[in-house]
Amino acid sequence: MVGWNTNGRTDMGKRILFWTAVAALCASVGLAGGCRKKSDKPRVALIMKSLANEFFKTMEDGARAHQKAHAAEYDILCNGIRDEQDVAGQIDLVQQMIAQKVDAIVIAPADSKALVRFCKQAMDADIVVVNIDNKLDADTLKEQGVEIPFVGPNNRKGARMAAEHLAKKLKKGDKVAIVEGMPGAFNGIQRKLGFEDAMKAAGMVIATSQSGRWETDLADKVVAGMIQEHQDLKAVLCANDSMALGAVAALKSAGKLDQVLVIGYDNISAVQQLMKEGKILCTIDQHADQIAVEGIKYARQILKEKVAPADQETPVHLITAADVK
């Protein structure tokens, strides 16, 4: 988290100044510290969110497997932050990659607005930037005067698919709750909208909607409060699987696990097991291992062919217990 010191300056501000100075030094000497000259083989930096989240570990594994299969064609640097709220840490990583003069950055931004400025800095340093997973904010991109291609899923579509499956298990007028992702994150906003689309179309009542900030422990507390306030909830719709795990824990503690349905989003292994046990109804697979690969492939295409950047949609699929081996 960003903290204030006695002078009223932020840690984030200090980090920005530090990495700006490092970048300037690298530009002048080209060889100091971690600042390496570009080689004939392009270097692609994959910057993700928290590697403590299985989704992003799967993303990293997919990227490394692709690079291993194409080792003669490019090198890869994989980085992640300590948790999905560590925006300042992710800004640090972008600054480091600028200083190291990588050829391309493929980024799943922790914040859809805050990272735009620093992606622009990378582009100004002649680095190709491709946005994956969580789409950068369109208005902020426009303000900065940049276009950054997005390679990733239609999150609203995926969330709607899961919620439509849930609706088949409910009846009109049933009360449901939504556990949202990080405030301001584009993918979280889109998933909430997708849940709302399906629930409103089916005539359900959305009794409450609160943020679990993508985290299991916080979602546990949030859902505990929801079911205390709304005793007649029939379902909890979670914007990612980590929060679905928290929802299951809260329902189990309250003795309501067999009364309230839970859905998630991401298809992590822990949720697959809970689907087999009947504790989670469904999730959405957006193929984490392939999202990064598609972003890397597109970044390399831009480097090689100088193609005009354009968004590319990747697939999403509904996963139920019947799909789990």
C-alpha atoms as a PDB file:
ATOM      1  CA  MET A   1       0.000   0.000   0.000  1.00  0.00           C
ATOM      2  CA  VAL A   2       1.125   3.585  -0.587  1.00  0.00           C
ATOM      3  CA  GLY A   3       1.998   5.303   2.692  1.00  0.00           C
ATOM      4  CA  TRP A   4       2.611   8.927   3.622  1.00  0.00           C
ATOM      5  CA  ASN A   5       5.782  10.145   5.333  1.00  0.00           C
ATOM      6  CA  THR A   6       6.147  13.263   7.483  1.00  0.00           C
ATOM      7  CA  ASN A   7       6.797  15.422   4.438  1.00  0.00           C
ATOM      8  CA  GLY A   8       3.565  14.301   2.781  1.00  0.00           C
ATOM      9  CA  ARG A   9       5.344  12.561  -0.067  1.00  0.00           C
ATOM     10  CA  THR A  10       4.350   9.064  -1.081  1.00  0.00           C
ATOM     11  CA  ASP A  11       6.418   5.901  -1.376  1.00  0.00           C
ATOM     12  CA  MET A  12       5.151   5.639  -4.939  1.00  0.00           C
ATOM     13  CA  GLY A  13       6.497   9.113  -5.693  1.00  0.00           C
ATOM     14  CA  LYS A  14       9.913   8.182  -4.335  1.00  0.00           C
ATOM     15  CA  ARG A  15       9.993   5.025  -6.454  1.00  0.00           C
ATOM     16  CA  ILE A  16       9.030   6.957  -9.572  1.00  0.00           C
ATOM     17  CA  LEU A  17      11.847   9.466  -8.986  1.00  0.00           C
ATOM     18  CA  PHE A  18      14.327   6.644  -8.326  1.00  0.00           C
ATOM     19  CA  TRP A  19      13.545   4.686 -11.469  1.00  0.00           C
ATOM     20  CA  THR A  20      13.431   7.841 -13.578  1.00  0.00           C
ATOM     21  CA  ALA A  21      16.977   8.547 -12.397  1.00  0.00           C
ATOM     22  CA  VAL A  22      18.037   4.968 -13.134  1.00  0.00           C
ATOM     23  CA  ALA A  23      16.559   5.151 -16.621  1.00  0.00           C
ATOM     24  CA  ALA A  24      18.406   8.400 -17.278  1.00  0.00           C
ATOM     25  CA  LEU A  25      21.691   6.873 -16.121  1.00  0.00           C
ATOM     26  CA  CYS A  26      21.169   3.827 -18.315  1.00  0.00           C
ATOM     27  CA  ALA A  27      20.478   6.044 -21.277  1.00  0.00           C
ATOM     28  CA  SER A  28      23.765   7.866 -20.746  1.00  0.00           C
ATOM     29  CA  VAL A  29      26.082   4.915 -20.077  1.00  0.00           C
ATOM     30  CA  GLY A  30      24.181   1.929 -21.504  1.00  0.00           C
ATOM     31  CA  LEU A  31      26.094  -0.632 -19.452  1.00  0.00           C
ATOM     32  CA  ALA A  32      25.744   0.195 -15.766  1.00  0.00           C
ATOM     33  CA  GLY A  33      24.081  -2.121 -13.230  1.00  0.00           C
ATOM     34  CA  GLY A  34      21.225  -4.066 -14.759  1.00  0.00           C
ATOM     35  CA  CYS A  35      21.105  -1.909 -17.891  1.00  0.00           C
ATOM     36  CA  ARG A  36      21.920  -4.212 -20.749  1.00  0.00           C
ATOM     37  CA  LYS A  37      22.250  -3.395 -24.404  1.00  0.00           C
ATOM     38  CA  LYS A  38      19.714  -4.849 -26.763  1.00  0.00           C
ATOM     39  CA  SER A  39      20.834  -8.048 -28.444  1.00  0.00           C
ATOM     40  CA  ASP A  40      19.797  -9.535 -31.755  1.00  0.00           C
ATOM     41  CA  LYS A  41      17.373 -11.758 -29.865  1.00  0.00           C
ATOM     42  CA  PRO A  42      14.513  -9.627 -28.477  1.00  0.00           C
ATOM     43  CA  ARG A  43      13.772  -9.637 -24.769  1.00  0.00           C
ATOM     44  CA  VAL A  44      10.140  -9.689 -23.722  1.00  0.00           C
ATOM     45  CA  ALA A  45       9.146  -8.779 -20.163  1.00  0.00           C
ATOM     46  CA  LEU A  46       5.974 -10.359 -18.791  1.00  0.00           C
ATOM     47  CA  ILE A  47       4.675  -8.265 -15.880  1.00  0.00           C
ATOM     48  CA  MET A  48       1.841  -9.906 -13.971  1.00  0.00           C
ATOM     49  CA  LYS A  49      -0.093  -9.364 -10.783  1.00  0.00           C
ATOM     50  CA  SER A  50       0.325 -11.576  -7.720  1.00  0.00           C
ATOM     51  CA  LEU A  51       2.091 -14.881  -8.291  1.00  0.00           C
ATOM     52  CA  ALA A  52       0.473 -16.001  -5.016  1.00  0.00           C
ATOM     53  CA  ASN A  53      -2.676 -16.308  -7.122  1.00  0.00           C
ATOM     54  CA  GLU A  54      -2.639 -19.613  -8.980  1.00  0.00           C
ATOM     55  CA  PHE A  55      -4.094 -17.900 -12.054  1.00  0.00           C
ATOM     56  CA  PHE A  56      -0.940 -15.847 -12.593  1.00  0.00           C
ATOM     57  CA  LYS A  57       1.380 -18.741 -11.771  1.00  0.00           C
ATOM     58  CA  THR A  58      -0.396 -20.659 -14.543  1.00  0.00           C
ATOM     59  CA  MET A  59       0.089 -17.643 -16.798  1.00  0.00           C
ATOM     60  CA  GLU A  60       3.822 -17.612 -16.041  1.00  0.00           C
ATOM     61  CA  ASP A  61       4.139 -21.362 -16.644  1.00  0.00           C
ATOM     62  CA  GLY A  62       2.456 -21.003 -20.035  1.00  0.00           C
ATOM     63  CA  ALA A  63       4.734 -18.141 -21.025  1.00  0.00           C
ATOM     64  CA  ARG A  64       7.892 -19.993 -19.971  1.00  0.00           C
ATOM     65  CA  ALA A  65       6.832 -23.128 -21.840  1.00  0.00           C
ATOM     66  CA  HIS A  66       6.287 -21.087 -25.003  1.00  0.00           C
ATOM     67  CA  GLN A  67       9.667 -19.378 -24.687  1.00  0.00           C
ATOM     68  CA  LYS A  68      11.383 -22.726 -24.105  1.00  0.00           C
ATOM     69  CA  ALA A  69       9.852 -24.006 -27.336  1.00  0.00           C
ATOM     70  CA  HIS A  70      11.107 -20.863 -29.133  1.00  0.00           C
ATOM     71  CA  ALA A  71      14.335 -20.295 -27.227  1.00  0.00           C
ATOM     72  CA  ALA A  72      16.279 -19.314 -30.338  1.00  0.00           C
ATOM     73  CA  GLU A  73      13.745 -16.586 -31.151  1.00  0.00           C
ATOM     74  CA  TYR A  74      13.384 -14.541 -27.945  1.00  0.00           C
ATOM     75  CA  ASP A  75      14.224 -14.315 -24.248  1.00  0.00           C
ATOM     76  CA  ILE A  76      11.684 -13.740 -21.488  1.00  0.00           C
ATOM     77  CA  LEU A  77      11.738 -12.017 -18.111  1.00  0.00           C
ATOM     78  CA  CYS A  78       8.781 -12.916 -15.857  1.00  0.00           C
ATOM     79  CA  ASN A  79       7.853 -10.674 -12.943  1.00  0.00           C
ATOM     80  CA  GLY A  80       4.974 -10.457 -10.483  1.00  0.00           C
ATOM     81  CA  ILE A  81       4.006  -8.409  -7.438  1.00  0.00           C
ATOM     82  CA  ARG A  82       3.490  -9.477  -3.829  1.00  0.00           C
ATOM     83  CA  ASP A  83      -0.300  -9.168  -3.987  1.00  0.00           C
ATOM     84  CA  GLU A  84      -2.880  -7.776  -6.377  1.00  0.00           C
ATOM     85  CA  GLN A  85      -3.094  -4.476  -4.489  1.00  0.00           C
ATOM     86  CA  ASP A  86       0.627  -3.699  -4.863  1.00  0.00           C
ATOM     87  CA  VAL A  87       0.256  -1.096  -7.603  1.00  0.00           C
ATOM     88  CA  ALA A  88       3.430   0.727  -6.561  1.00  0.00           C
ATOM     89  CA  GLY A  89       5.354  -2.526  -6.822  1.00  0.00           C
ATOM     90  CA  GLN A  90       4.124  -3.095 -10.347  1.00  0.00           C
ATOM     91  CA  ILE A  91       5.092   0.444 -11.319  1.00  0.00           C
ATOM     92  CA  ASP A  92       8.572  -0.375 -10.000  1.00  0.00           C
ATOM     93  CA  LEU A  93       8.705  -3.394 -12.303  1.00  0.00           C
ATOM     94  CA  VAL A  94       7.784  -1.327 -15.354  1.00  0.00           C
ATOM     95  CA  GLN A  95      10.470   1.206 -14.455  1.00  0.00           C
ATOM     96  CA  GLN A  96      13.011  -1.594 -14.054  1.00  0.00           C
ATOM     97  CA  MET A  97      12.183  -3.012 -17.466  1.00  0.00           C
ATOM     98  CA  ILE A  98      12.540   0.430 -19.045  1.00  0.00           C
ATOM     99  CA  ALA A  99      15.928   0.762 -17.363  1.00  0.00           C
ATOM    100  CA  GLN A 100      16.965  -2.659 -18.661  1.00  0.00           C
ATOM    101  CA  LYS A 101      15.929  -1.642 -22.171  1.00  0.00           C
ATOM    102  CA  VAL A 102      13.780  -4.662 -22.917  1.00  0.00           C
ATOM    103  CA  ASP A 103      12.234  -4.796 -26.372  1.00  0.00           C
ATOM    104  CA  ALA A 104       8.656  -5.427 -25.290  1.00  0.00           C
ATOM    105  CA  ILE A 105       6.507  -5.390 -22.165  1.00  0.00           C
ATOM    106  CA  VAL A 106       3.435  -7.607 -21.879  1.00  0.00           C
ATOM    107  CA  ILE A 107       1.510  -6.436 -18.831  1.00  0.00           C
ATOM    108  CA  ALA A 108      -1.514  -7.529 -16.794  1.00  0.00           C
ATOM    109  CA  PRO A 109      -2.010  -4.243 -14.912  1.00  0.00           C
ATOM    110  CA  ALA A 110      -2.959  -4.225 -11.239  1.00  0.00           C
ATOM    111  CA  ASP A 111      -4.747  -0.918 -11.809  1.00  0.00           C
ATOM    112  CA  SER A 112      -6.373   0.010 -15.110  1.00  0.00           C
ATOM    113  CA  LYS A 113      -5.621   3.730 -14.734  1.00  0.00           C
ATOM    114  CA  ALA A 114      -2.438   4.060 -12.684  1.00  0.00           C
ATOM    115  CA  LEU A 115      -0.280   1.952 -15.014  1.00  0.00           C
ATOM    116  CA  VAL A 116      -1.125   3.885 -18.190  1.00  0.00           C
ATOM    117  CA  ARG A 117       1.360   6.677 -17.515  1.00  0.00           C
ATOM    118  CA  PHE A 118       4.197   4.231 -17.023  1.00  0.00           C
ATOM    119  CA  CYS A 119       3.304   2.160 -20.050  1.00  0.00           C
ATOM    120  CA  LYS A 120       3.530   5.402 -22.013  1.00  0.00           C
ATOM    121  CA  GLN A 121       7.004   5.959 -20.560  1.00  0.00           C
ATOM    122  CA  ALA A 122       7.970   2.544 -21.894  1.00  0.00           C
ATOM    123  CA  MET A 123       6.586   3.370 -25.329  1.00  0.00           C
ATOM    124  CA  ASP A 124       8.462   6.680 -25.294  1.00  0.00           C
ATOM    125  CA  ALA A 125      11.598   4.597 -24.700  1.00  0.00           C
ATOM    126  CA  ASP A 126      10.841   2.657 -27.921  1.00  0.00           C
ATOM    127  CA  ILE A 127       9.502  -0.396 -26.085  1.00  0.00           C
ATOM    128  CA  VAL A 128       6.491  -2.236 -27.497  1.00  0.00           C
ATOM    129  CA  VAL A 129       3.704  -2.544 -24.906  1.00  0.00           C
ATOM    130  CA  VAL A 130       0.880  -5.085 -25.048  1.00  0.00           C
ATOM    131  CA  ASN A 131      -1.887  -5.137 -22.426  1.00  0.00           C
ATOM    132  CA  ILE A 132      -3.263  -8.529 -21.313  1.00  0.00           C
ATOM    133  CA  ASP A 133      -5.846  -9.848 -18.823  1.00  0.00           C
ATOM    134  CA  ASN A 134      -7.061  -6.545 -17.286  1.00  0.00           C
ATOM    135  CA  LYS A 135      -7.769  -3.842 -19.857  1.00  0.00           C
ATOM    136  CA  LEU A 136      -6.237  -0.407 -19.418  1.00  0.00           C
ATOM    137  CA  ASP A 137      -8.742   2.421 -19.002  1.00  0.00           C
ATOM    138  CA  ALA A 138      -9.814   3.918 -22.333  1.00  0.00           C
ATOM    139  CA  ASP A 139     -10.245   7.474 -21.026  1.00  0.00           C
ATOM    140  CA  THR A 140      -6.834   7.456 -19.339  1.00  0.00           C
ATOM    141  CA  LEU A 141      -5.207   6.129 -22.515  1.00  0.00           C
ATOM    142  CA  LYS A 142      -6.850   8.951 -24.439  1.00  0.00           C
ATOM    143  CA  GLU A 143      -5.652  11.536 -21.908  1.00  0.00           C
ATOM    144  CA  GLN A 144      -2.098  10.232 -22.271  1.00  0.00           C
ATOM    145  CA  GLY A 145      -2.417  10.203 -26.060  1.00  0.00           C
ATOM    146  CA  VAL A 146      -1.473   6.548 -26.483  1.00  0.00           C
ATOM    147  CA  GLU A 147      -2.990   3.421 -28.006  1.00  0.00           C
ATOM    148  CA  ILE A 148      -2.061   0.113 -26.377  1.00  0.00           C
ATOM    149  CA  PRO A 149      -3.499  -3.119 -27.793  1.00  0.00           C
ATOM    150  CA  PHE A 150      -5.428  -5.391 -25.467  1.00  0.00           C
ATOM    151  CA  VAL A 151      -5.099  -9.153 -25.826  1.00  0.00           C
ATOM    152  CA  GLY A 152      -7.500 -10.949 -23.537  1.00  0.00           C
ATOM    153  CA  PRO A 153     -10.975 -12.238 -22.788  1.00  0.00           C
ATOM    154  CA  ASN A 154     -14.352 -10.536 -22.806  1.00  0.00           C
ATOM    155  CA  ASN A 155     -14.854 -10.549 -19.044  1.00  0.00           C
ATOM    156  CA  ARG A 156     -18.456  -9.390 -19.195  1.00  0.00           C
ATOM    157  CA  LYS A 157     -19.293 -12.236 -21.555  1.00  0.00           C
ATOM    158  CA  GLY A 158     -17.578 -14.800 -19.318  1.00  0.00           C
ATOM    159  CA  ALA A 159     -19.271 -13.596 -16.133  1.00  0.00           C
ATOM    160  CA  ARG A 160     -22.645 -13.582 -17.865  1.00  0.00           C
ATOM    161  CA  MET A 161     -22.114 -17.215 -18.938  1.00  0.00           C
ATOM    162  CA  ALA A 162     -21.459 -18.298 -15.338  1.00  0.00           C
ATOM    163  CA  ALA A 163     -24.401 -16.308 -13.985  1.00  0.00           C
ATOM    164  CA  GLU A 164     -26.765 -17.656 -16.633  1.00  0.00           C
ATOM    165  CA  HIS A 165     -25.811 -21.193 -15.562  1.00  0.00           C
ATOM    166  CA  LEU A 166     -26.517 -20.194 -11.958  1.00  0.00           C
ATOM    167  CA  ALA A 167     -29.889 -18.717 -12.919  1.00  0.00           C
ATOM    168  CA  LYS A 168     -31.064 -22.148 -14.028  1.00  0.00           C
ATOM    169  CA  LYS A 169     -30.710 -23.308 -10.410  1.00  0.00           C
ATOM    170  CA  LEU A 170     -32.696 -20.384  -8.957  1.00  0.00           C
ATOM    171  CA  LYS A 171     -36.204 -19.026  -9.272  1.00  0.00           C
ATOM    172  CA  LYS A 172     -37.406 -15.530 -10.064  1.00  0.00           C
ATOM    173  CA  GLY A 173     -37.197 -13.220  -7.058  1.00  0.00           C
ATOM    174  CA  ASP A 174     -34.387 -15.093  -5.314  1.00  0.00           C
ATOM    175  CA  LYS A 175     -31.827 -12.858  -3.599  1.00  0.00           C
ATOM    176  CA  VAL A 176     -28.179 -13.017  -4.623  1.00  0.00           C
ATOM    177  CA  ALA A 177     -24.965 -11.211  -3.648  1.00  0.00           C
ATOM    178  CA  ILE A 178     -21.978 -10.153  -5.745  1.00  0.00           C
ATOM    179  CA  VAL A 179     -18.397 -10.125  -4.476  1.00  0.00           C
ATOM    180  CA  GLU A 180     -16.549  -7.666  -6.697  1.00  0.00           C
ATOM    181  CA  GLY A 181     -12.866  -7.483  -7.576  1.00  0.00           C
ATOM    182  CA  MET A 182     -10.484  -4.589  -7.024  1.00  0.00           C
ATOM    183  CA  PRO A 183     -12.236  -1.224  -7.311  1.00  0.00           C
ATOM    184  CA  GLY A 184     -11.205   0.450 -10.564  1.00  0.00           C
ATOM    185  CA  ALA A 185      -9.951  -2.743 -12.216  1.00  0.00           C
ATOM    186  CA  PHE A 186     -11.527  -3.031 -15.658  1.00  0.00           C
ATOM    187  CA  ASN A 187     -11.901  -6.805 -15.544  1.00  0.00           C
ATOM    188  CA  GLY A 188     -13.560  -6.639 -12.139  1.00  0.00           C
ATOM    189  CA  ILE A 189     -16.005  -3.997 -13.339  1.00  0.00           C
ATOM    190  CA  GLN A 190     -16.844  -6.019 -16.437  1.00  0.00           C
ATOM    191  CA  ARG A 191     -17.423  -9.198 -14.460  1.00  0.00           C
ATOM    192  CA  LYS A 192     -19.785  -7.389 -12.108  1.00  0.00           C
ATOM    193  CA  LEU A 193     -21.701  -6.082 -15.133  1.00  0.00           C
ATOM    194  CA  GLY A 194     -21.883  -9.582 -16.612  1.00  0.00           C
ATOM    195  CA  PHE A 195     -23.276 -10.970 -13.348  1.00  0.00           C
ATOM    196  CA  GLU A 196     -25.817  -8.153 -13.231  1.00  0.00           C
ATOM    197  CA  ASP A 197     -26.841  -8.719 -16.856  1.00  0.00           C
ATOM    198  CA  ALA A 198     -27.760 -12.338 -16.222  1.00  0.00           C
ATOM    199  CA  MET A 199     -29.360 -11.863 -12.799  1.00  0.00           C
ATOM    200  CA  LYS A 200     -31.563  -8.979 -13.913  1.00  0.00           C
ATOM    201  CA  ALA A 201     -32.601 -10.828 -17.068  1.00  0.00           C
ATOM    202  CA  ALA A 202     -33.630 -13.838 -14.959  1.00  0.00           C
ATOM    203  CA  GLY A 203     -35.543 -11.702 -12.456  1.00  0.00           C
ATOM    204  CA  MET A 204     -33.243 -12.222  -9.480  1.00  0.00           C
ATOM    205  CA  VAL A 205     -32.797  -9.591  -6.766  1.00  0.00           C
ATOM    206  CA  ILE A 206     -29.231  -8.367  -6.214  1.00  0.00           C
ATOM    207  CA  ALA A 207     -29.403  -7.780  -2.465  1.00  0.00           C
ATOM    208  CA  THR A 208     -25.846  -6.511  -2.034  1.00  0.00           C
ATOM    209  CA  SER A 209     -22.589  -6.033  -3.954  1.00  0.00           C
ATOM    210  CA  GLN A 210     -19.278  -5.443  -2.199  1.00  0.00           C
ATOM    211  CA  SER A 211     -15.575  -5.638  -3.035  1.00  0.00           C
ATOM    212  CA  GLY A 212     -13.409  -8.526  -1.898  1.00  0.00           C
ATOM    213  CA  ARG A 213     -10.384  -6.938  -3.649  1.00  0.00           C
ATOM    214  CA  TRP A 214      -9.555 -10.299  -5.284  1.00  0.00           C
ATOM    215  CA  GLU A 215      -8.437 -11.741  -1.898  1.00  0.00           C
ATOM    216  CA  THR A 216      -9.654 -14.948  -0.198  1.00  0.00           C
ATOM    217  CA  ASP A 217      -9.432 -13.709   3.409  1.00  0.00           C
ATOM    218  CA  LEU A 218     -11.241 -10.449   2.707  1.00  0.00           C
ATOM    219  CA  ALA A 219     -13.948 -12.246   0.724  1.00  0.00           C
ATOM    220  CA  ASP A 220     -14.452 -14.572   3.701  1.00  0.00           C
ATOM    221  CA  LYS A 221     -15.165 -11.546   5.926  1.00  0.00           C
ATOM    222  CA  VAL A 222     -17.300  -9.793   3.308  1.00  0.00           C
ATOM    223  CA  VAL A 223     -19.491 -12.841   2.702  1.00  0.00           C
ATOM    224  CA  ALA A 224     -19.820 -13.486   6.430  1.00  0.00           C
ATOM    225  CA  GLY A 225     -21.302 -10.007   6.729  1.00  0.00           C
ATOM    226  CA  MET A 226     -23.532 -10.491   3.707  1.00  0.00           C
ATOM    227  CA  ILE A 227     -25.157 -13.658   4.977  1.00  0.00           C
ATOM    228  CA  GLN A 228     -25.607 -12.132   8.409  1.00  0.00           C
ATOM    229  CA  GLU A 229     -27.407  -9.115   6.948  1.00  0.00           C
ATOM    230  CA  HIS A 230     -29.331 -11.054   4.304  1.00  0.00           C
ATOM    231  CA  GLN A 231     -30.413 -14.339   5.847  1.00  0.00           C
ATOM    232  CA  ASP A 232     -32.295 -15.430   2.729  1.00  0.00           C
ATOM    233  CA  LEU A 233     -29.486 -15.200   0.165  1.00  0.00           C
ATOM    234  CA  LYS A 234     -29.597 -17.994  -2.389  1.00  0.00           C
ATOM    235  CA  ALA A 235     -26.291 -17.410  -4.211  1.00  0.00           C
ATOM    236  CA  VAL A 236     -22.963 -15.573  -4.070  1.00  0.00           C
ATOM    237  CA  LEU A 237     -21.366 -14.560  -7.375  1.00  0.00           C
ATOM    238  CA  CYS A 238     -17.606 -14.039  -7.017  1.00  0.00           C
ATOM    239  CA  ALA A 239     -15.519 -12.134  -9.548  1.00  0.00           C
ATOM    240  CA  ASN A 240     -12.602 -14.540  -9.160  1.00  0.00           C
ATOM    241  CA  ASP A 241     -11.961 -17.985  -7.750  1.00  0.00           C
ATOM    242  CA  SER A 242      -9.799 -16.773  -4.862  1.00  0.00           C
ATOM    243  CA  MET A 243     -12.816 -14.897  -3.531  1.00  0.00           C
ATOM    244  CA  ALA A 244     -15.036 -17.909  -4.211  1.00  0.00           C
ATOM    245  CA  LEU A 245     -12.800 -19.861  -1.818  1.00  0.00           C
ATOM    246  CA  GLY A 246     -13.401 -17.175   0.785  1.00  0.00           C
ATOM    247  CA  ALA A 247     -17.144 -17.347   0.159  1.00  0.00           C
ATOM    248  CA  VAL A 248     -17.149 -21.113   0.701  1.00  0.00           C
ATOM    249  CA  ALA A 249     -15.227 -20.689   3.967  1.00  0.00           C
ATOM    250  CA  ALA A 250     -17.720 -18.106   5.232  1.00  0.00           C
ATOM    251  CA  LEU A 251     -20.722 -20.233   4.285  1.00  0.00           C
ATOM    252  CA  LYS A 252     -19.189 -23.301   5.896  1.00  0.00           C
ATOM    253  CA  SER A 253     -18.583 -21.409   9.144  1.00  0.00           C
ATOM    254  CA  ALA A 254     -22.196 -20.206   9.135  1.00  0.00           C
ATOM    255  CA  GLY A 255     -23.568 -23.667   8.388  1.00  0.00           C
ATOM    256  CA  LYS A 256     -25.077 -22.467   5.117  1.00  0.00           C
ATOM    257  CA  LEU A 257     -22.892 -24.195   2.544  1.00  0.00           C
ATOM    258  CA  ASP A 258     -25.786 -26.422   1.441  1.00  0.00           C
ATOM    259  CA  GLN A 259     -28.212 -23.471   1.225  1.00  0.00           C
ATOM    260  CA  VAL A 260     -26.277 -20.909  -0.817  1.00  0.00           C
ATOM    261  CA  LEU A 261     -24.795 -21.517  -4.278  1.00  0.00           C
ATOM    262  CA  VAL A 262     -21.367 -20.092  -5.154  1.00  0.00           C
ATOM    263  CA  ILE A 263     -19.849 -19.296  -8.543  1.00  0.00           C
ATOM    264  CA  GLY A 264     -16.342 -18.087  -9.375  1.00  0.00           C
ATOM    265  CA  TYR A 265     -14.141 -17.063 -12.275  1.00  0.00           C
ATOM    266  CA  ASP A 266     -10.672 -18.359 -13.319  1.00  0.00           C
ATOM    267  CA  ASN A 267     -10.835 -22.175 -13.046  1.00  0.00           C
ATOM    268  CA  ILE A 268      -8.033 -22.676 -10.535  1.00  0.00           C
ATOM    269  CA  SER A 269      -7.367 -26.191  -9.255  1.00  0.00           C
ATOM    270  CA  ALA A 270      -8.749 -25.577  -5.743  1.00  0.00           C
ATOM    271  CA  VAL A 271     -12.095 -24.589  -7.212  1.00  0.00           C
ATOM    272  CA  GLN A 272     -12.125 -27.611  -9.500  1.00  0.00           C
ATOM    273  CA  GLN A 273     -11.950 -29.816  -6.420  1.00  0.00           C
ATOM    274  CA  LEU A 274     -14.762 -27.889  -4.728  1.00  0.00           C
ATOM    275  CA  MET A 275     -16.924 -28.242  -7.848  1.00  0.00           C
ATOM    276  CA  LYS A 276     -16.420 -32.003  -7.720  1.00  0.00           C
ATOM    277  CA  GLU A 277     -17.544 -31.888  -4.076  1.00  0.00           C
ATOM    278  CA  GLY A 278     -20.615 -29.827  -4.971  1.00  0.00           C
ATOM    279  CA  LYS A 279     -19.494 -26.781  -2.971  1.00  0.00           C
ATOM    280  CA  ILE A 280     -19.040 -24.477  -5.971  1.00  0.00           C
ATOM    281  CA  LEU A 281     -21.438 -24.557  -8.899  1.00  0.00           C
ATOM    282  CA  CYS A 282     -19.282 -23.283 -11.745  1.00  0.00           C
ATOM    283  CA  THR A 283     -16.419 -21.077 -12.834  1.00  0.00           C
ATOM    284  CA  ILE A 284     -15.033 -19.593 -16.042  1.00  0.00           C
ATOM    285  CA  ASP A 285     -11.837 -20.711 -17.734  1.00  0.00           C
ATOM    286  CA  GLN A 286     -10.148 -17.836 -19.530  1.00  0.00           C
ATOM    287  CA  HIS A 287      -7.060 -19.963 -20.206  1.00  0.00           C
ATOM    288  CA  ALA A 288      -4.416 -18.130 -18.194  1.00  0.00           C
ATOM    289  CA  ASP A 289      -1.594 -20.096 -19.790  1.00  0.00           C
ATOM    290  CA  GLN A 290      -2.606 -18.907 -23.249  1.00  0.00           C
ATOM    291  CA  ILE A 291      -3.405 -15.252 -22.512  1.00  0.00           C
ATOM    292  CA  ALA A 292       0.254 -14.416 -21.895  1.00  0.00           C
ATOM    293  CA  VAL A 293       1.368 -16.513 -24.872  1.00  0.00           C
ATOM    294  CA  GLU A 294      -0.989 -14.639 -27.194  1.00  0.00           C
ATOM    295  CA  GLY A 295       0.252 -11.333 -25.794  1.00  0.00           C
ATOM    296  CA  ILE A 296       3.866 -12.358 -26.309  1.00  0.00           C
ATOM    297  CA  LYS A 297       3.201 -13.568 -29.845  1.00  0.00           C
ATOM    298  CA  TYR A 298       1.509 -10.284 -30.686  1.00  0.00           C
ATOM    299  CA  ALA A 299       4.338  -8.219 -29.166  1.00  0.00           C
ATOM    300  CA  ARG A 300       6.842 -10.160 -31.257  1.00  0.00           C
ATOM    301  CA  GLN A 301       4.725  -9.639 -34.366  1.00  0.00           C
ATOM    302  CA  ILE A 302       4.663  -5.891 -33.737  1.00  0.00           C
ATOM    303  CA  LEU A 303       8.452  -5.890 -33.262  1.00  0.00           C
ATOM    304  CA  LYS A 304       9.083  -7.916 -36.398  1.00  0.00           C
ATOM    305  CA  GLU A 305       6.431  -6.677 -38.806  1.00  0.00           C
ATOM    306  CA  LYS A 306       5.642  -3.220 -37.398  1.00  0.00           C
ATOM    307  CA  VAL A 307       1.924  -4.054 -37.580  1.00  0.00           C
ATOM    308  CA  ALA A 308      -0.608  -1.498 -36.384  1.00  0.00           C
ATOM    309  CA  PRO A 309      -1.744  -2.468 -32.859  1.00  0.00           C
ATOM    310  CA  ALA A 310      -5.311  -3.740 -32.520  1.00  0.00           C
ATOM    311  CA  ASP A 311      -7.236  -5.519 -29.777  1.00  0.00           C
ATOM    312  CA  GLN A 312      -7.518  -9.310 -29.907  1.00  0.00           C
ATOM    313  CA  GLU A 313     -10.167 -11.264 -27.990  1.00  0.00           C
ATOM    314  CA  THR A 314      -9.217 -14.594 -26.410  1.00  0.00           C
ATOM    315  CA  PRO A 315     -11.745 -17.346 -25.536  1.00  0.00           C
ATOM    316  CA  VAL A 316     -13.689 -17.998 -22.326  1.00  0.00           C
ATOM    317  CA  HIS A 317     -15.456 -21.238 -21.416  1.00  0.00           C
ATOM    318  CA  LEU A 318     -17.957 -22.234 -18.746  1.00  0.00           C
ATOM    319  CA  ILE A 319     -16.624 -24.958 -16.432  1.00  0.00           C
ATOM    320  CA  THR A 320     -18.886 -27.125 -14.266  1.00  0.00           C
ATOM    321  CA  ALA A 321     -18.303 -30.300 -12.271  1.00  0.00           C
ATOM    322  CA  ALA A 322     -19.025 -32.314 -15.418  1.00  0.00           C
ATOM    323  CA  ASP A 323     -15.960 -30.750 -17.054  1.00  0.00           C
ATOM    324  CA  VAL A 324     -13.564 -31.582 -14.219  1.00  0.00           C
ATOM    325  CA  LYS A 325     -11.541 -34.791 -14.566  1.00  0.00           C
END
